[in-house]
Amino acid sequence: MGKKFKKRVRIAAIAAAVMVAVFAASFYVYTLDYYRADTYAVNVIQADSAHVKRADSVTIFYPEGSENKEVGLIFYPGGKVEADAYAPLLHRLSQKGITCVLVRMPFNLAVFDVNAADRVYGLLPEIKSWYIGGHSLGGAMASSYAVKNEAKVKGVVLLGAYPTGKYDVPNLVVYGSKDGVLDRTKLAGVNDVLVIDGGNHAYFGNYGEQKGDGTARITREEQQTVAADAIADFIYGKAE
């Protein structure tokens, strides 16, 4: 093996190492730029310590004063959105008797842990009917999970998201009429769809305004109230 060849190998190795380092640094910077949960969302978790519990990489919202505690929803947060931003919506839903499990994702990107739901079932063995859902990218990844795990879930809830594959379990899509992010062409053929008049993409969570989104004509509370009602109707209509 000649000296020139060895030199080329060293140069190639150094160049590869530099490229990996640059990519890693760029990705790290990218993950630092995400949407934070607002103060209201954080307070929702802190104010109800009796019914909101942290466990591993999830936050569990337990029903209060409800006899039906055998139905659960696993929720994947939107891309680059802090999971706690969905606390107000899920807390509202838990008050309707549905145990909600909010999953915190690596780098706030559900694409890095599509099978996160598998960690949830063992935490709540009393749940008999599981549903899975999410917002935006989280909804897409929840849909991807359902494609390969139909036997584990009774239905899929997609907020500002669309199905990424085919599955036989029921499907509910909810989005705002002012949503400037969702690609509506991907909803062709989806039957169970609710359009919230005046709602937008970001108002399913509490993390401020989102780049590229439309301007909502209703409040976050109004949009989340409509969404929670629709999700509860969907789940109770499908739960066995």
C-alpha atoms as a PDB file:
ATOM      1  CA  MET A   1       0.000   0.000   0.000  1.00  0.00           C
ATOM      2  CA  GLY A   2       1.659   3.236  -1.169  1.00  0.00           C
ATOM      3  CA  LYS A   3       2.129   6.409   0.825  1.00  0.00           C
ATOM      4  CA  LYS A   4      -0.125   8.369  -1.529  1.00  0.00           C
ATOM      5  CA  PHE A   5      -2.971   5.896  -1.018  1.00  0.00           C
ATOM      6  CA  LYS A   6      -2.590   6.021   2.771  1.00  0.00           C
ATOM      7  CA  LYS A   7      -2.617   9.810   2.630  1.00  0.00           C
ATOM      8  CA  ARG A   8      -5.807   9.789   0.586  1.00  0.00           C
ATOM      9  CA  VAL A   9      -7.426   7.444   3.076  1.00  0.00           C
ATOM     10  CA  ARG A  10      -6.469   9.743   5.961  1.00  0.00           C
ATOM     11  CA  ILE A  11      -7.789  12.784   4.136  1.00  0.00           C
ATOM     12  CA  ALA A  12     -11.038  10.990   3.331  1.00  0.00           C
ATOM     13  CA  ALA A  13     -11.407   9.885   6.974  1.00  0.00           C
ATOM     14  CA  ILE A  14     -10.791  13.430   8.219  1.00  0.00           C
ATOM     15  CA  ALA A  15     -13.269  14.841   5.720  1.00  0.00           C
ATOM     16  CA  ALA A  16     -15.905  12.302   6.785  1.00  0.00           C
ATOM     17  CA  ALA A  17     -15.330  13.111  10.450  1.00  0.00           C
ATOM     18  CA  VAL A  18     -15.701  16.838   9.746  1.00  0.00           C
ATOM     19  CA  MET A  19     -18.935  16.250   7.848  1.00  0.00           C
ATOM     20  CA  VAL A  20     -20.357  14.179  10.710  1.00  0.00           C
ATOM     21  CA  ALA A  21     -19.347  16.851  13.218  1.00  0.00           C
ATOM     22  CA  VAL A  22     -20.931  19.607  11.131  1.00  0.00           C
ATOM     23  CA  PHE A  23     -24.134  17.591  10.729  1.00  0.00           C
ATOM     24  CA  ALA A  24     -24.299  16.843  14.445  1.00  0.00           C
ATOM     25  CA  ALA A  25     -23.742  20.487  15.336  1.00  0.00           C
ATOM     26  CA  SER A  26     -26.357  21.642  12.824  1.00  0.00           C
ATOM     27  CA  PHE A  27     -28.883  19.116  14.105  1.00  0.00           C
ATOM     28  CA  TYR A  28     -28.220  20.176  17.702  1.00  0.00           C
ATOM     29  CA  VAL A  29     -28.824  23.826  16.825  1.00  0.00           C
ATOM     30  CA  TYR A  30     -31.972  22.789  14.922  1.00  0.00           C
ATOM     31  CA  THR A  31     -33.406  20.983  17.941  1.00  0.00           C
ATOM     32  CA  LEU A  32     -32.836  24.006  20.194  1.00  0.00           C
ATOM     33  CA  ASP A  33     -35.304  25.989  18.083  1.00  0.00           C
ATOM     34  CA  TYR A  34     -38.682  24.660  19.157  1.00  0.00           C
ATOM     35  CA  TYR A  35     -42.042  25.913  20.408  1.00  0.00           C
ATOM     36  CA  ARG A  36     -42.233  26.114  24.197  1.00  0.00           C
ATOM     37  CA  ALA A  37     -45.333  25.421  26.258  1.00  0.00           C
ATOM     38  CA  ASP A  38     -46.804  28.665  27.572  1.00  0.00           C
ATOM     39  CA  THR A  39     -47.300  29.502  31.228  1.00  0.00           C
ATOM     40  CA  TYR A  40     -50.939  28.460  31.210  1.00  0.00           C
ATOM     41  CA  ALA A  41     -50.088  24.959  29.982  1.00  0.00           C
ATOM     42  CA  VAL A  42     -47.383  24.530  32.620  1.00  0.00           C
ATOM     43  CA  ASN A  43     -49.764  25.708  35.332  1.00  0.00           C
ATOM     44  CA  VAL A  44     -52.392  23.174  34.256  1.00  0.00           C
ATOM     45  CA  ILE A  45     -49.956  20.387  35.110  1.00  0.00           C
ATOM     46  CA  GLN A  46     -48.774  21.925  38.365  1.00  0.00           C
ATOM     47  CA  ALA A  47     -52.217  22.930  39.620  1.00  0.00           C
ATOM     48  CA  ASP A  48     -53.764  19.451  39.537  1.00  0.00           C
ATOM     49  CA  SER A  49     -51.146  17.233  41.108  1.00  0.00           C
ATOM     50  CA  ALA A  50     -53.875  14.856  42.291  1.00  0.00           C
ATOM     51  CA  HIS A  51     -54.848  13.866  38.761  1.00  0.00           C
ATOM     52  CA  VAL A  52     -51.778  14.726  36.650  1.00  0.00           C
ATOM     53  CA  LYS A  53     -48.760  12.485  37.136  1.00  0.00           C
ATOM     54  CA  ARG A  54     -45.308  12.240  35.558  1.00  0.00           C
ATOM     55  CA  ALA A  55     -44.058   8.736  34.816  1.00  0.00           C
ATOM     56  CA  ASP A  56     -40.874   8.044  32.854  1.00  0.00           C
ATOM     57  CA  SER A  57     -41.209  10.010  29.600  1.00  0.00           C
ATOM     58  CA  VAL A  58     -44.963  10.537  29.831  1.00  0.00           C
ATOM     59  CA  THR A  59     -47.485  12.733  31.613  1.00  0.00           C
ATOM     60  CA  ILE A  60     -50.716  10.999  32.601  1.00  0.00           C
ATOM     61  CA  PHE A  61     -53.994  12.881  32.969  1.00  0.00           C
ATOM     62  CA  TYR A  62     -56.337  10.779  35.087  1.00  0.00           C
ATOM     63  CA  PRO A  63     -60.130  11.219  35.001  1.00  0.00           C
ATOM     64  CA  GLU A  64     -61.708  12.972  37.949  1.00  0.00           C
ATOM     65  CA  GLY A  65     -64.939  11.697  39.438  1.00  0.00           C
ATOM     66  CA  SER A  66     -65.686   9.379  36.518  1.00  0.00           C
ATOM     67  CA  GLU A  67     -66.744   5.757  36.646  1.00  0.00           C
ATOM     68  CA  ASN A  68     -65.348   5.074  33.186  1.00  0.00           C
ATOM     69  CA  LYS A  69     -61.623   4.633  33.679  1.00  0.00           C
ATOM     70  CA  GLU A  70     -61.021   1.860  31.181  1.00  0.00           C
ATOM     71  CA  VAL A  71     -60.597   4.059  28.108  1.00  0.00           C
ATOM     72  CA  GLY A  72     -57.293   5.738  27.267  1.00  0.00           C
ATOM     73  CA  LEU A  73     -55.755   8.015  24.631  1.00  0.00           C
ATOM     74  CA  ILE A  74     -52.034   8.067  23.866  1.00  0.00           C
ATOM     75  CA  PHE A  75     -51.068  11.444  22.415  1.00  0.00           C
ATOM     76  CA  TYR A  76     -48.008  12.339  20.311  1.00  0.00           C
ATOM     77  CA  PRO A  77     -47.093  16.088  20.282  1.00  0.00           C
ATOM     78  CA  GLY A  78     -46.509  18.105  17.138  1.00  0.00           C
ATOM     79  CA  GLY A  79     -43.082  18.444  15.561  1.00  0.00           C
ATOM     80  CA  LYS A  80     -40.717  20.748  17.473  1.00  0.00           C
ATOM     81  CA  VAL A  81     -43.409  21.466  20.046  1.00  0.00           C
ATOM     82  CA  GLU A  82     -42.784  20.931  23.759  1.00  0.00           C
ATOM     83  CA  ALA A  83     -45.119  18.162  24.888  1.00  0.00           C
ATOM     84  CA  ASP A  84     -46.492  20.113  27.859  1.00  0.00           C
ATOM     85  CA  ALA A  85     -48.136  22.518  25.415  1.00  0.00           C
ATOM     86  CA  TYR A  86     -50.947  19.966  25.003  1.00  0.00           C
ATOM     87  CA  ALA A  87     -51.721  19.774  28.718  1.00  0.00           C
ATOM     88  CA  PRO A  88     -54.814  22.046  28.552  1.00  0.00           C
ATOM     89  CA  LEU A  89     -56.435  19.980  25.792  1.00  0.00           C
ATOM     90  CA  LEU A  90     -55.696  16.622  27.401  1.00  0.00           C
ATOM     91  CA  HIS A  91     -56.672  17.799  30.874  1.00  0.00           C
ATOM     92  CA  ARG A  92     -59.992  18.943  29.429  1.00  0.00           C
ATOM     93  CA  LEU A  93     -60.413  15.550  27.771  1.00  0.00           C
ATOM     94  CA  SER A  94     -59.580  13.688  30.988  1.00  0.00           C
ATOM     95  CA  GLN A  95     -62.449  15.527  32.662  1.00  0.00           C
ATOM     96  CA  LYS A  96     -64.694  13.686  30.243  1.00  0.00           C
ATOM     97  CA  GLY A  97     -63.578  10.376  31.717  1.00  0.00           C
ATOM     98  CA  ILE A  98     -60.748   9.510  29.314  1.00  0.00           C
ATOM     99  CA  THR A  99     -57.290   8.744  30.677  1.00  0.00           C
ATOM    100  CA  CYS A 100     -54.844  10.686  28.507  1.00  0.00           C
ATOM    101  CA  VAL A 101     -51.152   9.909  28.191  1.00  0.00           C
ATOM    102  CA  LEU A 102     -48.950  12.650  26.749  1.00  0.00           C
ATOM    103  CA  VAL A 103     -45.664  11.286  25.412  1.00  0.00           C
ATOM    104  CA  ARG A 104     -42.491  13.391  25.460  1.00  0.00           C
ATOM    105  CA  MET A 105     -40.462  12.764  22.313  1.00  0.00           C
ATOM    106  CA  PRO A 106     -36.691  12.817  21.687  1.00  0.00           C
ATOM    107  CA  PHE A 107     -35.724  16.277  20.384  1.00  0.00           C
ATOM    108  CA  ASN A 108     -39.476  17.090  20.373  1.00  0.00           C
ATOM    109  CA  LEU A 109     -39.833  15.068  17.179  1.00  0.00           C
ATOM    110  CA  ALA A 110     -42.141  12.032  17.194  1.00  0.00           C
ATOM    111  CA  VAL A 111     -40.389  10.633  14.139  1.00  0.00           C
ATOM    112  CA  PHE A 112     -37.574   9.506  16.475  1.00  0.00           C
ATOM    113  CA  ASP A 113     -39.891   7.350  18.605  1.00  0.00           C
ATOM    114  CA  VAL A 114     -42.842   6.174  16.537  1.00  0.00           C
ATOM    115  CA  ASN A 115     -43.326   3.168  18.814  1.00  0.00           C
ATOM    116  CA  ALA A 116     -43.458   5.220  22.005  1.00  0.00           C
ATOM    117  CA  ALA A 117     -46.967   3.914  22.649  1.00  0.00           C
ATOM    118  CA  ASP A 118     -45.531   0.490  23.444  1.00  0.00           C
ATOM    119  CA  ARG A 119     -44.089   1.912  26.665  1.00  0.00           C
ATOM    120  CA  VAL A 120     -47.487   3.110  27.836  1.00  0.00           C
ATOM    121  CA  TYR A 121     -49.626  -0.017  28.037  1.00  0.00           C
ATOM    122  CA  GLY A 122     -47.740  -1.524  30.962  1.00  0.00           C
ATOM    123  CA  LEU A 123     -48.116   1.686  32.976  1.00  0.00           C
ATOM    124  CA  LEU A 124     -51.910   1.472  32.884  1.00  0.00           C
ATOM    125  CA  PRO A 125     -52.974  -2.185  32.736  1.00  0.00           C
ATOM    126  CA  GLU A 126     -56.498  -1.216  33.821  1.00  0.00           C
ATOM    127  CA  ILE A 127     -57.166   0.449  30.457  1.00  0.00           C
ATOM    128  CA  LYS A 128     -59.142  -1.909  28.229  1.00  0.00           C
ATOM    129  CA  SER A 129     -59.646   0.261  25.152  1.00  0.00           C
ATOM    130  CA  TRP A 130     -56.683   2.248  23.839  1.00  0.00           C
ATOM    131  CA  TYR A 131     -56.797   5.013  21.234  1.00  0.00           C
ATOM    132  CA  ILE A 132     -53.819   6.814  19.760  1.00  0.00           C
ATOM    133  CA  GLY A 133     -53.565  10.274  18.281  1.00  0.00           C
ATOM    134  CA  GLY A 134     -51.487  13.365  17.901  1.00  0.00           C
ATOM    135  CA  HIS A 135     -51.086  16.810  16.442  1.00  0.00           C
ATOM    136  CA  SER A 136     -49.412  17.613  13.118  1.00  0.00           C
ATOM    137  CA  LEU A 137     -46.229  15.492  12.822  1.00  0.00           C
ATOM    138  CA  GLY A 138     -47.260  13.707  16.008  1.00  0.00           C
ATOM    139  CA  GLY A 139     -50.534  12.756  14.362  1.00  0.00           C
ATOM    140  CA  ALA A 140     -48.731  11.456  11.309  1.00  0.00           C
ATOM    141  CA  MET A 141     -46.486   9.284  13.480  1.00  0.00           C
ATOM    142  CA  ALA A 142     -49.457   8.062  15.524  1.00  0.00           C
ATOM    143  CA  SER A 143     -51.055   7.073  12.226  1.00  0.00           C
ATOM    144  CA  SER A 144     -47.874   5.254  11.214  1.00  0.00           C
ATOM    145  CA  TYR A 145     -47.941   3.372  14.507  1.00  0.00           C
ATOM    146  CA  ALA A 146     -51.566   2.337  13.935  1.00  0.00           C
ATOM    147  CA  VAL A 147     -50.719   0.943  10.498  1.00  0.00           C
ATOM    148  CA  LYS A 148     -48.513  -1.717  12.109  1.00  0.00           C
ATOM    149  CA  ASN A 149     -50.383  -2.098  15.402  1.00  0.00           C
ATOM    150  CA  GLU A 150     -54.076  -2.291  14.609  1.00  0.00           C
ATOM    151  CA  ALA A 151     -54.613  -4.969  17.247  1.00  0.00           C
ATOM    152  CA  LYS A 152     -53.426  -2.610  20.003  1.00  0.00           C
ATOM    153  CA  VAL A 153     -55.622   0.414  19.319  1.00  0.00           C
ATOM    154  CA  LYS A 154     -59.341   0.949  18.800  1.00  0.00           C
ATOM    155  CA  GLY A 155     -59.024   4.146  16.774  1.00  0.00           C
ATOM    156  CA  VAL A 156     -56.867   7.061  15.660  1.00  0.00           C
ATOM    157  CA  VAL A 157     -57.336  10.785  16.408  1.00  0.00           C
ATOM    158  CA  LEU A 158     -55.547  13.229  14.117  1.00  0.00           C
ATOM    159  CA  LEU A 159     -55.450  16.947  14.922  1.00  0.00           C
ATOM    160  CA  GLY A 160     -54.201  19.086  12.050  1.00  0.00           C
ATOM    161  CA  ALA A 161     -52.821  15.882  10.528  1.00  0.00           C
ATOM    162  CA  TYR A 162     -53.648  13.237   7.929  1.00  0.00           C
ATOM    163  CA  PRO A 163     -53.354   9.435   7.794  1.00  0.00           C
ATOM    164  CA  THR A 164     -50.014   8.142   6.526  1.00  0.00           C
ATOM    165  CA  GLY A 165     -51.215   4.673   5.610  1.00  0.00           C
ATOM    166  CA  LYS A 166     -54.154   2.280   5.628  1.00  0.00           C
ATOM    167  CA  TYR A 167     -55.613   0.647   8.700  1.00  0.00           C
ATOM    168  CA  ASP A 168     -58.991  -0.828   9.543  1.00  0.00           C
ATOM    169  CA  VAL A 169     -59.575   0.937  12.874  1.00  0.00           C
ATOM    170  CA  PRO A 170     -61.789   4.077  12.931  1.00  0.00           C
ATOM    171  CA  ASN A 171     -60.179   7.404  12.186  1.00  0.00           C
ATOM    172  CA  LEU A 172     -61.105  10.974  13.250  1.00  0.00           C
ATOM    173  CA  VAL A 173     -59.522  14.052  11.684  1.00  0.00           C
ATOM    174  CA  VAL A 174     -60.037  17.497  13.222  1.00  0.00           C
ATOM    175  CA  TYR A 175     -58.552  20.691  11.822  1.00  0.00           C
ATOM    176  CA  GLY A 176     -59.220  24.419  11.782  1.00  0.00           C
ATOM    177  CA  SER A 177     -60.618  26.259   8.787  1.00  0.00           C
ATOM    178  CA  LYS A 178     -57.756  28.781   9.082  1.00  0.00           C
ATOM    179  CA  ASP A 179     -55.039  26.110   9.251  1.00  0.00           C
ATOM    180  CA  GLY A 180     -52.155  27.318   7.100  1.00  0.00           C
ATOM    181  CA  VAL A 181     -49.934  24.267   7.645  1.00  0.00           C
ATOM    182  CA  LEU A 182     -52.040  21.172   6.938  1.00  0.00           C
ATOM    183  CA  ASP A 183     -51.957  19.763   3.396  1.00  0.00           C
ATOM    184  CA  ARG A 184     -55.678  19.215   2.855  1.00  0.00           C
ATOM    185  CA  THR A 185     -55.127  17.247  -0.348  1.00  0.00           C
ATOM    186  CA  LYS A 186     -53.932  14.391   1.874  1.00  0.00           C
ATOM    187  CA  LEU A 187     -57.419  14.093   3.363  1.00  0.00           C
ATOM    188  CA  ALA A 188     -59.018  12.785   0.190  1.00  0.00           C
ATOM    189  CA  GLY A 189     -60.987   9.667   1.043  1.00  0.00           C
ATOM    190  CA  VAL A 190     -61.064  10.333   4.799  1.00  0.00           C
ATOM    191  CA  ASN A 191     -64.678  10.096   5.958  1.00  0.00           C
ATOM    192  CA  ASP A 192     -64.753  11.237   9.590  1.00  0.00           C
ATOM    193  CA  VAL A 193     -63.533  14.844   9.374  1.00  0.00           C
ATOM    194  CA  LEU A 194     -64.470  17.835  11.523  1.00  0.00           C
ATOM    195  CA  VAL A 195     -63.495  21.341  10.435  1.00  0.00           C
ATOM    196  CA  ILE A 196     -63.479  23.830  13.306  1.00  0.00           C
ATOM    197  CA  ASP A 197     -64.725  27.135  11.935  1.00  0.00           C
ATOM    198  CA  GLY A 198     -62.181  29.851  12.687  1.00  0.00           C
ATOM    199  CA  GLY A 199     -59.615  27.489  14.162  1.00  0.00           C
ATOM    200  CA  ASN A 200     -56.008  27.228  12.977  1.00  0.00           C
ATOM    201  CA  HIS A 201     -53.110  24.782  13.231  1.00  0.00           C
ATOM    202  CA  ALA A 202     -51.454  25.908  16.451  1.00  0.00           C
ATOM    203  CA  TYR A 203     -54.460  26.342  18.713  1.00  0.00           C
ATOM    204  CA  PHE A 204     -54.749  22.649  19.558  1.00  0.00           C
ATOM    205  CA  GLY A 205     -51.799  23.371  21.818  1.00  0.00           C
ATOM    206  CA  ASN A 206     -50.576  26.246  23.973  1.00  0.00           C
ATOM    207  CA  TYR A 207     -47.265  27.252  22.441  1.00  0.00           C
ATOM    208  CA  GLY A 208     -47.886  30.592  20.777  1.00  0.00           C
ATOM    209  CA  GLU A 209     -48.330  31.244  17.080  1.00  0.00           C
ATOM    210  CA  GLN A 210     -46.794  28.959  14.464  1.00  0.00           C
ATOM    211  CA  LYS A 211     -44.847  30.036  11.401  1.00  0.00           C
ATOM    212  CA  GLY A 212     -46.888  29.706   8.213  1.00  0.00           C
ATOM    213  CA  ASP A 213     -50.163  29.258  10.066  1.00  0.00           C
ATOM    214  CA  GLY A 214     -53.368  31.162   9.409  1.00  0.00           C
ATOM    215  CA  THR A 215     -54.841  33.691  11.814  1.00  0.00           C
ATOM    216  CA  ALA A 216     -57.459  32.117  14.054  1.00  0.00           C
ATOM    217  CA  ARG A 217     -60.880  33.713  14.454  1.00  0.00           C
ATOM    218  CA  ILE A 218     -61.580  31.921  17.728  1.00  0.00           C
ATOM    219  CA  THR A 219     -59.633  31.508  20.960  1.00  0.00           C
ATOM    220  CA  ARG A 220     -57.448  28.546  21.904  1.00  0.00           C
ATOM    221  CA  GLU A 221     -59.943  27.621  24.602  1.00  0.00           C
ATOM    222  CA  GLU A 222     -62.798  27.585  22.102  1.00  0.00           C
ATOM    223  CA  GLN A 223     -60.863  25.447  19.620  1.00  0.00           C
ATOM    224  CA  GLN A 224     -59.758  22.996  22.292  1.00  0.00           C
ATOM    225  CA  THR A 225     -63.285  22.768  23.693  1.00  0.00           C
ATOM    226  CA  VAL A 226     -64.670  21.815  20.293  1.00  0.00           C
ATOM    227  CA  ALA A 227     -61.810  19.360  19.730  1.00  0.00           C
ATOM    228  CA  ALA A 228     -62.228  17.708  23.135  1.00  0.00           C
ATOM    229  CA  ASP A 229     -65.973  17.311  22.597  1.00  0.00           C
ATOM    230  CA  ALA A 230     -65.401  15.752  19.169  1.00  0.00           C
ATOM    231  CA  ILE A 231     -62.722  13.378  20.445  1.00  0.00           C
ATOM    232  CA  ALA A 232     -64.893  12.259  23.357  1.00  0.00           C
ATOM    233  CA  ASP A 233     -67.867  11.661  21.063  1.00  0.00           C
ATOM    234  CA  PHE A 234     -65.633   9.679  18.702  1.00  0.00           C
ATOM    235  CA  ILE A 235     -64.099   7.547  21.442  1.00  0.00           C
ATOM    236  CA  TYR A 236     -67.279   6.832  23.341  1.00  0.00           C
ATOM    237  CA  GLY A 237     -68.998   5.972  20.093  1.00  0.00           C
ATOM    238  CA  LYS A 238     -66.287   3.436  19.211  1.00  0.00           C
ATOM    239  CA  ALA A 239     -65.147   2.086  22.590  1.00  0.00           C
ATOM    240  CA  GLU A 240     -66.259  -1.423  23.383  1.00  0.00           C
END
